[in-house]
Amino acid sequence: MKRIRLVNEQNIEAVIKEVLIHELQLDAAQIAAADATMALLGRGIGLDSIEALRLCLGLESAFDIQIPDADLTVELFANFGALHAYIARRLGARQEPA
């Protein structure tokens, strides 16, 4: 997975979906139709714990971020919107001056 250089709100969503489709081999039509309220676990996309970890690894690589183990919670994977917001915060924190 290549890293995203220019990041904006649309890129974040697109990259999450790209990782789900290409790295986790999920149905492209289902992923493309997903909105911010679509659950990632259970009745939504249906990720299991191993797939959630694979998703995190793909996102870490794509966005050049670290997702600490402490952040790997059910809330993080509640839906696309929660994951999108988390990544946006991580990217924002990385860009803030120290």
PDB file of N, CA and C in Angstrom:
ATOM      1  N   MET A   1       0.849  -1.170   0.000  1.00  0.00           N
ATOM      2  CA  MET A   1       0.000   0.000   0.000  1.00  0.00           C
ATOM      3  C   MET A   1       0.891   1.228   0.000  1.00  0.00           C
ATOM      4  N   LYS A   2       0.684   2.138  -0.936  1.00  0.00           N
ATOM      5  CA  LYS A   2       1.517   3.325  -0.966  1.00  0.00           C
ATOM      6  C   LYS A   2       0.982   4.366   0.012  1.00  0.00           C
ATOM      7  N   ARG A   3       1.881   5.188   0.482  1.00  0.00           N
ATOM      8  CA  ARG A   3       1.523   6.199   1.455  1.00  0.00           C
ATOM      9  C   ARG A   3       0.869   7.389   0.784  1.00  0.00           C
ATOM     10  N   ILE A   4      -0.071   8.002   1.487  1.00  0.00           N
ATOM     11  CA  ILE A   4      -0.773   9.180   1.002  1.00  0.00           C
ATOM     12  C   ILE A   4       0.024  10.421   1.410  1.00  0.00           C
ATOM     13  N   ARG A   5       0.355  11.249   0.467  1.00  0.00           N
ATOM     14  CA  ARG A   5       1.137  12.441   0.773  1.00  0.00           C
ATOM     15  C   ARG A   5       0.225  13.622   1.109  1.00  0.00           C
ATOM     16  N   LEU A   6      -0.742  13.917   0.289  1.00  0.00           N
ATOM     17  CA  LEU A   6      -1.696  14.984   0.564  1.00  0.00           C
ATOM     18  C   LEU A   6      -2.903  14.371   1.249  1.00  0.00           C
ATOM     19  N   VAL A   7      -3.196  14.832   2.429  1.00  0.00           N
ATOM     20  CA  VAL A   7      -4.299  14.256   3.179  1.00  0.00           C
ATOM     21  C   VAL A   7      -5.385  15.303   3.356  1.00  0.00           C
ATOM     22  N   ASN A   8      -6.603  14.923   2.997  1.00  0.00           N
ATOM     23  CA  ASN A   8      -7.770  15.744   3.283  1.00  0.00           C
ATOM     24  C   ASN A   8      -8.889  14.798   3.686  1.00  0.00           C
ATOM     25  N   GLU A   9     -10.039  15.342   4.002  1.00  0.00           N
ATOM     26  CA  GLU A   9     -11.143  14.514   4.495  1.00  0.00           C
ATOM     27  C   GLU A   9     -11.531  13.408   3.512  1.00  0.00           C
ATOM     28  N   GLN A  10     -11.544  13.708   2.227  1.00  0.00           N
ATOM     29  CA  GLN A  10     -11.907  12.701   1.234  1.00  0.00           C
ATOM     30  C   GLN A  10     -10.840  11.620   1.132  1.00  0.00           C
ATOM     31  N   ASN A  11      -9.575  11.999   1.237  1.00  0.00           N
ATOM     32  CA  ASN A  11      -8.502  11.010   1.169  1.00  0.00           C
ATOM     33  C   ASN A  11      -8.599  10.012   2.305  1.00  0.00           C
ATOM     34  N   ILE A  12      -8.903  10.491   3.505  1.00  0.00           N
ATOM     35  CA  ILE A  12      -8.984   9.597   4.653  1.00  0.00           C
ATOM     36  C   ILE A  12     -10.023   8.520   4.394  1.00  0.00           C
ATOM     37  N   GLU A  13     -11.208   8.928   3.994  1.00  0.00           N
ATOM     38  CA  GLU A  13     -12.272   7.960   3.717  1.00  0.00           C
ATOM     39  C   GLU A  13     -11.868   7.018   2.594  1.00  0.00           C
ATOM     40  N   ALA A  14     -11.306   7.551   1.539  1.00  0.00           N
ATOM     41  CA  ALA A  14     -10.906   6.732   0.397  1.00  0.00           C
ATOM     42  C   ALA A  14      -9.845   5.706   0.782  1.00  0.00           C
ATOM     43  N   VAL A  15      -8.896   6.110   1.625  1.00  0.00           N
ATOM     44  CA  VAL A  15      -7.835   5.191   2.016  1.00  0.00           C
ATOM     45  C   VAL A  15      -8.373   4.098   2.927  1.00  0.00           C
ATOM     46  N   ILE A  16      -9.251   4.444   3.855  1.00  0.00           N
ATOM     47  CA  ILE A  16      -9.877   3.421   4.703  1.00  0.00           C
ATOM     48  C   ILE A  16     -10.562   2.382   3.819  1.00  0.00           C
ATOM     49  N   LYS A  17     -11.316   2.856   2.853  1.00  0.00           N
ATOM     50  CA  LYS A  17     -12.032   1.941   1.958  1.00  0.00           C
ATOM     51  C   LYS A  17     -11.063   1.135   1.102  1.00  0.00           C
ATOM     52  N   GLU A  18      -9.994   1.769   0.643  1.00  0.00           N
ATOM     53  CA  GLU A  18      -9.000   1.061  -0.175  1.00  0.00           C
ATOM     54  C   GLU A  18      -8.348  -0.067   0.618  1.00  0.00           C
ATOM     55  N   VAL A  19      -8.011   0.205   1.867  1.00  0.00           N
ATOM     56  CA  VAL A  19      -7.400  -0.828   2.710  1.00  0.00           C
ATOM     57  C   VAL A  19      -8.394  -1.978   2.918  1.00  0.00           C
ATOM     58  N   LEU A  20      -9.643  -1.654   3.172  1.00  0.00           N
ATOM     59  CA  LEU A  20     -10.651  -2.706   3.368  1.00  0.00           C
ATOM     60  C   LEU A  20     -10.811  -3.566   2.122  1.00  0.00           C
ATOM     61  N   ILE A  21     -10.779  -2.944   0.972  1.00  0.00           N
ATOM     62  CA  ILE A  21     -10.982  -3.680  -0.283  1.00  0.00           C
ATOM     63  C   ILE A  21      -9.726  -4.464  -0.671  1.00  0.00           C
ATOM     64  N   HIS A  22      -8.587  -3.804  -0.671  1.00  0.00           N
ATOM     65  CA  HIS A  22      -7.379  -4.430  -1.203  1.00  0.00           C
ATOM     66  C   HIS A  22      -6.610  -5.271  -0.193  1.00  0.00           C
ATOM     67  N   GLU A  23      -6.548  -4.821   1.031  1.00  0.00           N
ATOM     68  CA  GLU A  23      -5.792  -5.557   2.036  1.00  0.00           C
ATOM     69  C   GLU A  23      -6.625  -6.668   2.690  1.00  0.00           C
ATOM     70  N   LEU A  24      -7.914  -6.405   2.887  1.00  0.00           N
ATOM     71  CA  LEU A  24      -8.753  -7.376   3.570  1.00  0.00           C
ATOM     72  C   LEU A  24      -9.653  -8.150   2.606  1.00  0.00           C
ATOM     73  N   GLN A  25      -9.586  -7.811   1.315  1.00  0.00           N
ATOM     74  CA  GLN A  25     -10.325  -8.529   0.269  1.00  0.00           C
ATOM     75  C   GLN A  25     -11.840  -8.508   0.505  1.00  0.00           C
ATOM     76  N   LEU A  26     -12.361  -7.355   0.965  1.00  0.00           N
ATOM     77  CA  LEU A  26     -13.795  -7.244   1.197  1.00  0.00           C
ATOM     78  C   LEU A  26     -14.496  -6.797  -0.073  1.00  0.00           C
ATOM     79  N   ASP A  27     -15.800  -6.981  -0.108  1.00  0.00           N
ATOM     80  CA  ASP A  27     -16.613  -6.672  -1.281  1.00  0.00           C
ATOM     81  C   ASP A  27     -16.553  -5.181  -1.611  1.00  0.00           C
ATOM     82  N   ALA A  28     -16.035  -4.857  -2.779  1.00  0.00           N
ATOM     83  CA  ALA A  28     -15.834  -3.467  -3.181  1.00  0.00           C
ATOM     84  C   ALA A  28     -17.146  -2.691  -3.244  1.00  0.00           C
ATOM     85  N   ALA A  29     -18.213  -3.310  -3.725  1.00  0.00           N
ATOM     86  CA  ALA A  29     -19.495  -2.615  -3.832  1.00  0.00           C
ATOM     87  C   ALA A  29     -20.043  -2.262  -2.448  1.00  0.00           C
ATOM     88  N   GLN A  30     -19.923  -3.189  -1.506  1.00  0.00           N
ATOM     89  CA  GLN A  30     -20.401  -2.930  -0.145  1.00  0.00           C
ATOM     90  C   GLN A  30     -19.585  -1.811   0.503  1.00  0.00           C
ATOM     91  N   ILE A  31     -18.286  -1.853   0.332  1.00  0.00           N
ATOM     92  CA  ILE A  31     -17.420  -0.844   0.930  1.00  0.00           C
ATOM     93  C   ILE A  31     -17.661   0.517   0.287  1.00  0.00           C
ATOM     94  N   ALA A  32     -17.805   0.562  -1.024  1.00  0.00           N
ATOM     95  CA  ALA A  32     -18.039   1.824  -1.723  1.00  0.00           C
ATOM     96  C   ALA A  32     -19.339   2.478  -1.265  1.00  0.00           C
ATOM     97  N   ALA A  33     -20.329   1.679  -0.936  1.00  0.00           N
ATOM     98  CA  ALA A  33     -21.635   2.201  -0.516  1.00  0.00           C
ATOM     99  C   ALA A  33     -21.672   2.591   0.960  1.00  0.00           C
ATOM    100  N   ALA A  34     -20.653   2.238   1.709  1.00  0.00           N
ATOM    101  CA  ALA A  34     -20.644   2.499   3.149  1.00  0.00           C
ATOM    102  C   ALA A  34     -20.545   3.999   3.428  1.00  0.00           C
ATOM    103  N   ASP A  35     -21.288   4.422   4.453  1.00  0.00           N
ATOM    104  CA  ASP A  35     -21.208   5.813   4.885  1.00  0.00           C
ATOM    105  C   ASP A  35     -20.643   5.861   6.301  1.00  0.00           C
ATOM    106  N   ALA A  36     -20.622   7.043   6.894  1.00  0.00           N
ATOM    107  CA  ALA A  36     -20.001   7.231   8.211  1.00  0.00           C
ATOM    108  C   ALA A  36     -20.665   6.416   9.310  1.00  0.00           C
ATOM    109  N   THR A  37     -21.923   6.048   9.135  1.00  0.00           N
ATOM    110  CA  THR A  37     -22.629   5.306  10.186  1.00  0.00           C
ATOM    111  C   THR A  37     -22.497   3.795  10.049  1.00  0.00           C
ATOM    112  N   MET A  38     -21.886   3.332   8.972  1.00  0.00           N
ATOM    113  CA  MET A  38     -21.742   1.882   8.762  1.00  0.00           C
ATOM    114  C   MET A  38     -20.792   1.295   9.797  1.00  0.00           C
ATOM    115  N   ALA A  39     -21.289   0.322  10.548  1.00  0.00           N
ATOM    116  CA  ALA A  39     -20.466  -0.338  11.563  1.00  0.00           C
ATOM    117  C   ALA A  39     -19.369  -1.167  10.893  1.00  0.00           C
ATOM    118  N   LEU A  40     -18.212  -1.182  11.508  1.00  0.00           N
ATOM    119  CA  LEU A  40     -17.105  -1.984  10.984  1.00  0.00           C
ATOM    120  C   LEU A  40     -17.117  -3.391  11.564  1.00  0.00           C
ATOM    121  N   LEU A  41     -17.590  -3.522  12.781  1.00  0.00           N
ATOM    122  CA  LEU A  41     -17.674  -4.821  13.451  1.00  0.00           C
ATOM    123  C   LEU A  41     -19.104  -5.334  13.392  1.00  0.00           C
ATOM    124  N   GLY A  42     -19.282  -6.604  13.631  1.00  0.00           N
ATOM    125  CA  GLY A  42     -20.635  -7.169  13.754  1.00  0.00           C
ATOM    126  C   GLY A  42     -21.481  -7.039  12.510  1.00  0.00           C
ATOM    127  N   ARG A  43     -22.682  -6.504  12.673  1.00  0.00           N
ATOM    128  CA  ARG A  43     -23.666  -6.463  11.583  1.00  0.00           C
ATOM    129  C   ARG A  43     -23.345  -5.503  10.453  1.00  0.00           C
ATOM    130  N   GLY A  44     -22.354  -4.700  10.592  1.00  0.00           N
ATOM    131  CA  GLY A  44     -21.984  -3.783   9.517  1.00  0.00           C
ATOM    132  C   GLY A  44     -21.127  -4.500   8.491  1.00  0.00           C
ATOM    133  N   ILE A  45     -19.875  -4.135   8.443  1.00  0.00           N
ATOM    134  CA  ILE A  45     -18.919  -4.771   7.537  1.00  0.00           C
ATOM    135  C   ILE A  45     -18.614  -6.182   8.014  1.00  0.00           C
ATOM    136  N   GLY A  46     -18.650  -6.382   9.319  1.00  0.00           N
ATOM    137  CA  GLY A  46     -18.452  -7.717   9.877  1.00  0.00           C
ATOM    138  C   GLY A  46     -17.011  -8.101  10.151  1.00  0.00           C
ATOM    139  N   LEU A  47     -16.158  -7.106  10.427  1.00  0.00           N
ATOM    140  CA  LEU A  47     -14.771  -7.425  10.727  1.00  0.00           C
ATOM    141  C   LEU A  47     -14.665  -8.210  12.032  1.00  0.00           C
ATOM    142  N   ASP A  48     -13.731  -9.164  12.051  1.00  0.00           N
ATOM    143  CA  ASP A  48     -13.415  -9.835  13.310  1.00  0.00           C
ATOM    144  C   ASP A  48     -12.163  -9.170  13.878  1.00  0.00           C
ATOM    145  N   SER A  49     -11.688  -9.637  15.020  1.00  0.00           N
ATOM    146  CA  SER A  49     -10.557  -8.974  15.684  1.00  0.00           C
ATOM    147  C   SER A  49      -9.276  -9.028  14.854  1.00  0.00           C
ATOM    148  N   ILE A  50      -9.033 -10.122  14.171  1.00  0.00           N
ATOM    149  CA  ILE A  50      -7.841 -10.237  13.327  1.00  0.00           C
ATOM    150  C   ILE A  50      -7.936  -9.266  12.151  1.00  0.00           C
ATOM    151  N   GLU A  51      -9.093  -9.178  11.542  1.00  0.00           N
ATOM    152  CA  GLU A  51      -9.272  -8.239  10.423  1.00  0.00           C
ATOM    153  C   GLU A  51      -9.135  -6.794  10.889  1.00  0.00           C
ATOM    154  N   ALA A  52      -9.615  -6.494  12.083  1.00  0.00           N
ATOM    155  CA  ALA A  52      -9.469  -5.143  12.630  1.00  0.00           C
ATOM    156  C   ALA A  52      -7.990  -4.802  12.803  1.00  0.00           C
ATOM    157  N   LEU A  53      -7.206  -5.759  13.273  1.00  0.00           N
ATOM    158  CA  LEU A  53      -5.762  -5.536  13.405  1.00  0.00           C
ATOM    159  C   LEU A  53      -5.102  -5.358  12.037  1.00  0.00           C
ATOM    160  N   ARG A  54      -5.509  -6.141  11.073  1.00  0.00           N
ATOM    161  CA  ARG A  54      -4.969  -6.000   9.712  1.00  0.00           C
ATOM    162  C   ARG A  54      -5.327  -4.633   9.132  1.00  0.00           C
ATOM    163  N   LEU A  55      -6.556  -4.176   9.417  1.00  0.00           N
ATOM    164  CA  LEU A  55      -6.968  -2.847   8.977  1.00  0.00           C
ATOM    165  C   LEU A  55      -6.054  -1.788   9.591  1.00  0.00           C
ATOM    166  N   CYS A  56      -5.787  -1.897  10.877  1.00  0.00           N
ATOM    167  CA  CYS A  56      -4.898  -0.943  11.551  1.00  0.00           C
ATOM    168  C   CYS A  56      -3.512  -0.939  10.934  1.00  0.00           C
ATOM    169  N   LEU A  57      -2.971  -2.110  10.671  1.00  0.00           N
ATOM    170  CA  LEU A  57      -1.641  -2.186  10.057  1.00  0.00           C
ATOM    171  C   LEU A  57      -1.635  -1.511   8.694  1.00  0.00           C
ATOM    172  N   GLY A  58      -2.673  -1.754   7.910  1.00  0.00           N
ATOM    173  CA  GLY A  58      -2.776  -1.116   6.596  1.00  0.00           C
ATOM    174  C   GLY A  58      -2.889   0.389   6.697  1.00  0.00           C
ATOM    175  N   LEU A  59      -3.650   0.873   7.679  1.00  0.00           N
ATOM    176  CA  LEU A  59      -3.812   2.317   7.858  1.00  0.00           C
ATOM    177  C   LEU A  59      -2.532   2.957   8.388  1.00  0.00           C
ATOM    178  N   GLU A  60      -1.833   2.260   9.276  1.00  0.00           N
ATOM    179  CA  GLU A  60      -0.549   2.778   9.758  1.00  0.00           C
ATOM    180  C   GLU A  60       0.419   2.966   8.596  1.00  0.00           C
ATOM    181  N   SER A  61       0.456   1.999   7.720  1.00  0.00           N
ATOM    182  CA  SER A  61       1.339   2.071   6.565  1.00  0.00           C
ATOM    183  C   SER A  61       0.899   3.165   5.591  1.00  0.00           C
ATOM    184  N   ALA A  62      -0.376   3.215   5.297  1.00  0.00           N
ATOM    185  CA  ALA A  62      -0.888   4.167   4.313  1.00  0.00           C
ATOM    186  C   ALA A  62      -0.731   5.616   4.769  1.00  0.00           C
ATOM    187  N   PHE A  63      -0.973   5.876   6.047  1.00  0.00           N
ATOM    188  CA  PHE A  63      -0.926   7.241   6.558  1.00  0.00           C
ATOM    189  C   PHE A  63       0.371   7.578   7.292  1.00  0.00           C
ATOM    190  N   ASP A  64       1.258   6.597   7.433  1.00  0.00           N
ATOM    191  CA  ASP A  64       2.513   6.785   8.154  1.00  0.00           C
ATOM    192  C   ASP A  64       2.247   7.286   9.575  1.00  0.00           C
ATOM    193  N   ILE A  65       1.355   6.565  10.261  1.00  0.00           N
ATOM    194  CA  ILE A  65       1.015   6.879  11.651  1.00  0.00           C
ATOM    195  C   ILE A  65       1.220   5.633  12.502  1.00  0.00           C
ATOM    196  N   GLN A  66       1.206   5.817  13.809  1.00  0.00           N
ATOM    197  CA  GLN A  66       1.243   4.715  14.760  1.00  0.00           C
ATOM    198  C   GLN A  66      -0.104   4.699  15.486  1.00  0.00           C
ATOM    199  N   ILE A  67      -0.705   3.538  15.608  1.00  0.00           N
ATOM    200  CA  ILE A  67      -1.929   3.376  16.383  1.00  0.00           C
ATOM    201  C   ILE A  67      -1.554   2.568  17.621  1.00  0.00           C
ATOM    202  N   PRO A  68      -1.466   3.225  18.777  1.00  0.00           N
ATOM    203  CA  PRO A  68      -1.069   2.519  19.990  1.00  0.00           C
ATOM    204  C   PRO A  68      -2.067   1.422  20.356  1.00  0.00           C
ATOM    205  N   ASP A  69      -1.554   0.362  20.975  1.00  0.00           N
ATOM    206  CA  ASP A  69      -2.412  -0.739  21.394  1.00  0.00           C
ATOM    207  C   ASP A  69      -3.563  -0.258  22.269  1.00  0.00           C
ATOM    208  N   ALA A  70      -3.312   0.735  23.102  1.00  0.00           N
ATOM    209  CA  ALA A  70      -4.345   1.246  23.998  1.00  0.00           C
ATOM    210  C   ALA A  70      -5.527   1.845  23.236  1.00  0.00           C
ATOM    211  N   ASP A  71      -5.304   2.256  21.997  1.00  0.00           N
ATOM    212  CA  ASP A  71      -6.377   2.840  21.189  1.00  0.00           C
ATOM    213  C   ASP A  71      -7.206   1.791  20.445  1.00  0.00           C
ATOM    214  N   LEU A  72      -6.778   0.543  20.469  1.00  0.00           N
ATOM    215  CA  LEU A  72      -7.483  -0.522  19.747  1.00  0.00           C
ATOM    216  C   LEU A  72      -8.680  -0.988  20.567  1.00  0.00           C
ATOM    217  N   THR A  73      -9.734  -0.202  20.507  1.00  0.00           N
ATOM    218  CA  THR A  73     -10.944  -0.469  21.282  1.00  0.00           C
ATOM    219  C   THR A  73     -12.125  -0.692  20.360  1.00  0.00           C
ATOM    220  N   VAL A  74     -13.191  -1.199  20.916  1.00  0.00           N
ATOM    221  CA  VAL A  74     -14.430  -1.391  20.149  1.00  0.00           C
ATOM    222  C   VAL A  74     -14.920  -0.041  19.636  1.00  0.00           C
ATOM    223  N   GLU A  75     -14.739   1.012  20.425  1.00  0.00           N
ATOM    224  CA  GLU A  75     -15.186   2.342  20.014  1.00  0.00           C
ATOM    225  C   GLU A  75     -14.466   2.821  18.760  1.00  0.00           C
ATOM    226  N   LEU A  76     -13.196   2.483  18.626  1.00  0.00           N
ATOM    227  CA  LEU A  76     -12.441   2.881  17.442  1.00  0.00           C
ATOM    228  C   LEU A  76     -13.063   2.294  16.175  1.00  0.00           C
ATOM    229  N   PHE A  77     -13.575   1.078  16.289  1.00  0.00           N
ATOM    230  CA  PHE A  77     -14.143   0.383  15.137  1.00  0.00           C
ATOM    231  C   PHE A  77     -15.672   0.424  15.124  1.00  0.00           C
ATOM    232  N   ALA A  78     -16.256   1.333  15.898  1.00  0.00           N
ATOM    233  CA  ALA A  78     -17.714   1.411  15.977  1.00  0.00           C
ATOM    234  C   ALA A  78     -18.330   1.621  14.592  1.00  0.00           C
ATOM    235  N   ASN A  79     -17.729   2.520  13.810  1.00  0.00           N
ATOM    236  CA  ASN A  79     -18.234   2.790  12.459  1.00  0.00           C
ATOM    237  C   ASN A  79     -17.161   3.551  11.672  1.00  0.00           C
ATOM    238  N   PHE A  80     -17.436   3.762  10.384  1.00  0.00           N
ATOM    239  CA  PHE A  80     -16.490   4.481   9.540  1.00  0.00           C
ATOM    240  C   PHE A  80     -16.194   5.864  10.099  1.00  0.00           C
ATOM    241  N   GLY A  81     -17.225   6.531  10.591  1.00  0.00           N
ATOM    242  CA  GLY A  81     -17.061   7.882  11.110  1.00  0.00           C
ATOM    243  C   GLY A  81     -16.099   7.941  12.275  1.00  0.00           C
ATOM    244  N   ALA A  82     -16.193   6.995  13.201  1.00  0.00           N
ATOM    245  CA  ALA A  82     -15.303   6.969  14.368  1.00  0.00           C
ATOM    246  C   ALA A  82     -13.860   6.734  13.931  1.00  0.00           C
ATOM    247  N   LEU A  83     -13.648   5.812  13.015  1.00  0.00           N
ATOM    248  CA  LEU A  83     -12.295   5.531  12.537  1.00  0.00           C
ATOM    249  C   LEU A  83     -11.735   6.719  11.763  1.00  0.00           C
ATOM    250  N   HIS A  84     -12.562   7.317  10.926  1.00  0.00           N
ATOM    251  CA  HIS A  84     -12.170   8.496  10.156  1.00  0.00           C
ATOM    252  C   HIS A  84     -11.750   9.626  11.092  1.00  0.00           C
ATOM    253  N   ALA A  85     -12.554   9.901  12.117  1.00  0.00           N
ATOM    254  CA  ALA A  85     -12.249  10.976  13.065  1.00  0.00           C
ATOM    255  C   ALA A  85     -10.944  10.686  13.808  1.00  0.00           C
ATOM    256  N   TYR A  86     -10.741   9.441  14.182  1.00  0.00           N
ATOM    257  CA  TYR A  86      -9.516   9.061  14.886  1.00  0.00           C
ATOM    258  C   TYR A  86      -8.292   9.327  14.010  1.00  0.00           C
ATOM    259  N   ILE A  87      -8.343   8.892  12.768  1.00  0.00           N
ATOM    260  CA  ILE A  87      -7.204   9.092  11.863  1.00  0.00           C
ATOM    261  C   ILE A  87      -6.964  10.581  11.643  1.00  0.00           C
ATOM    262  N   ALA A  88      -8.019  11.351  11.470  1.00  0.00           N
ATOM    263  CA  ALA A  88      -7.873  12.798  11.291  1.00  0.00           C
ATOM    264  C   ALA A  88      -7.188  13.416  12.512  1.00  0.00           C
ATOM    265  N   ARG A  89      -7.546  12.967  13.719  1.00  0.00           N
ATOM    266  CA  ARG A  89      -6.897  13.476  14.934  1.00  0.00           C
ATOM    267  C   ARG A  89      -5.424  13.091  14.970  1.00  0.00           C
ATOM    268  N   ARG A  90      -5.116  11.840  14.627  1.00  0.00           N
ATOM    269  CA  ARG A  90      -3.718  11.382  14.627  1.00  0.00           C
ATOM    270  C   ARG A  90      -2.898  12.200  13.625  1.00  0.00           C
ATOM    271  N   LEU A  91      -3.448  12.437  12.466  1.00  0.00           N
ATOM    272  CA  LEU A  91      -2.725  13.207  11.446  1.00  0.00           C
ATOM    273  C   LEU A  91      -2.571  14.655  11.886  1.00  0.00           C
ATOM    274  N   GLY A  92      -3.595  15.206  12.510  1.00  0.00           N
ATOM    275  CA  GLY A  92      -3.525  16.581  13.005  1.00  0.00           C
ATOM    276  C   GLY A  92      -2.489  16.731  14.097  1.00  0.00           C
ATOM    277  N   ALA A  93      -2.428  15.765  15.000  1.00  0.00           N
ATOM    278  CA  ALA A  93      -1.451  15.793  16.093  1.00  0.00           C
ATOM    279  C   ALA A  93      -0.040  15.702  15.556  1.00  0.00           C
ATOM    280  N   ARG A  94       0.126  14.945  14.500  1.00  0.00           N
ATOM    281  CA  ARG A  94       1.452  14.791  13.904  1.00  0.00           C
ATOM    282  C   ARG A  94       1.921  16.092  13.268  1.00  0.00           C
ATOM    283  N   GLN A  95       0.984  16.888  12.780  1.00  0.00           N
ATOM    284  CA  GLN A  95       1.349  18.113  12.061  1.00  0.00           C
ATOM    285  C   GLN A  95       1.475  19.328  12.969  1.00  0.00           C
ATOM    286  N   GLU A  96       1.035  19.216  14.231  1.00  0.00           N
ATOM    287  CA  GLU A  96       1.142  20.348  15.144  1.00  0.00           C
ATOM    288  C   GLU A  96       2.594  20.539  15.557  1.00  0.00           C
ATOM    289  N   PRO A  97       3.037  21.800  15.660  1.00  0.00           N
ATOM    290  CA  PRO A  97       4.423  22.039  16.098  1.00  0.00           C
ATOM    291  C   PRO A  97       4.610  21.629  17.547  1.00  0.00           C
ATOM    292  N   ALA A  98       5.786  21.148  17.856  1.00  0.00           N
ATOM    293  CA  ALA A  98       6.084  20.676  19.210  1.00  0.00           C
ATOM    294  C   ALA A  98       6.361  21.819  20.152  1.00  0.00           C
TER     295      ALA A  98
END
